[in-house]
Amino acid sequence: MESRVLSRAGAFSSLAHLRKPPRDVAGGASFVTVKTVGSLAEGGNLIWGRQLRPELCSPALKKEAVLLRPCLAATSSPAEGGDSAGEKVAPAGFFDKYPALVTGFFFFTWYFLNVIFNILNKKIYNYFPYPYFVSVIHLFVGVVYCLGSWTVGLPKRAPIDSNLLKLLIPVAVCHALGHVTSNVSFAAVAVSFTHTIKALEPFFNAAASQFILGQSIPITLWLSLAPVVIGVSMASLTELSFNWVGFISAMISNISFTYRSIYSKKAMTDMDSTNVYAYISIIALIVCIPPAVIVEGPALLKHGFNDAIAKVGLVKFVSDLFWVGMFYHLYNQVATNTLERVAPLTHAVGNVLKRVFVIGFSIIVFGNKISTQTGIGTAIAIAGVALYSLIKARLEEEKRVSPFSILLYLIKLVETWKVILHMQG
């Protein structure tokens, strides 16, 4: 499953609730306490059907939040009600002391798992060219993992009702269709070529937003998509592994993921992300099984399984299927954790770099020969995606941050004056 944001429509619904500055009996300094609360149903990001808790992930918001915490820095002695008389501040842990290092580790793990998945997935197709069945295995292993997690209570299974099920079914169907067609493309052409074609997904997202959702797309975003279309066209014309099955399947995958984004905006829920992802995986698995049985079932029973076992052995065949399913599930789970830690702009850059990593490693591992024009076209397409992602993330961040920053600034100004008047009084 491709790790990309289905909806960056998470507006900050949190409001700052202020408590009156306490008066220290001994005349000590007063602090302004700000408590931020929010509703998951009214905000957050949805990634592959998984809602992220809204938080101050933007650098601008973090700066405002830091300024709000104490409006007046002061030190107090034990006699004045300092730390000895009140609550002691717990020492900062490793995650708090080195946030950049931890975030970098999350990015590394995300890229590593994604690259391993793509490489192992393609190696399986080299001796077992049945993408419908392999797609079912991807989802099946993930569902077993989620059911096992529910059994031990990590996390505790959240109940689901008919209304939520109706919201999640369209998302899961589009997810299933996009996942299967991606795998059909991976089996038919080089991994690098499939990822180049899938670089067109922002174009389909922009078109759907403009013509289906009726949202106004700035001209700068449309212009940034021109290099993507040109680059993909250049790469397709001279790609040595080109065939229409791989090309059309990748395009259908783009369209499916675009509609998945549209339906995801309607499926915002305050259920935690892991549970939402588990339910979508279960529904997608149910959707994927019938096509796999109809399209590939007879061939699998006749010679598919036997040929694969004869080539690599039963143990390796089963272990390959298990591990490709695990890497598929884990890289998506880590992608969610990574995206929760960074701002939209950072995510946009990281997602583009992930695609570059996958393309580069697939060429090295499989020794795919590409023409000069294909290489130039791929580079232009990736650069266009990067430009589009940066512009879009910047626009979304400005639209979301500006009103909230003004509110925080006004609150900070009012509370600062309260502290000053309190000290003078």
Foldseek 3Di string as FASTA:
>chain_A
DAWDFLDPPFFFPKDWDWDDWDQQPLLDATFTATDIDGFLLRGATAILQFGFDDDQFDPLSVVLVVCRGGVDDDADDVVRCGCVNDPHDDDDDPCRVCVVVVLVVLLVVLLVLVLVLLQLLLVLLVQFVQLLVLLLLLLVLLLVVLVVCCVVPVPPADDDDPVLVVLLLLLLQLVLLLSSLLSQLSSQFFPLLLLLLLLCLVVLLVVCCCPPVVDDDDPQLVVLCVLQVQLNVLLQVFAPSDDPSNNVSSVSSSNSSSVSSVSSVVNRDSDGRSNSNSVSSVSSSVVSVVVSCVVCVVVCVPPNVVSSCVVPHDVVSVVSSNVSSVSSNVSNVSSVVSVSNHAQLVVQVSSLVSSVSNSVVSCVVVVRDGDPSSVVSSVSSSSSSSSSSNVVSVVSCCVNVVVVSVVSVVVSVVVSVVSVVVSVD
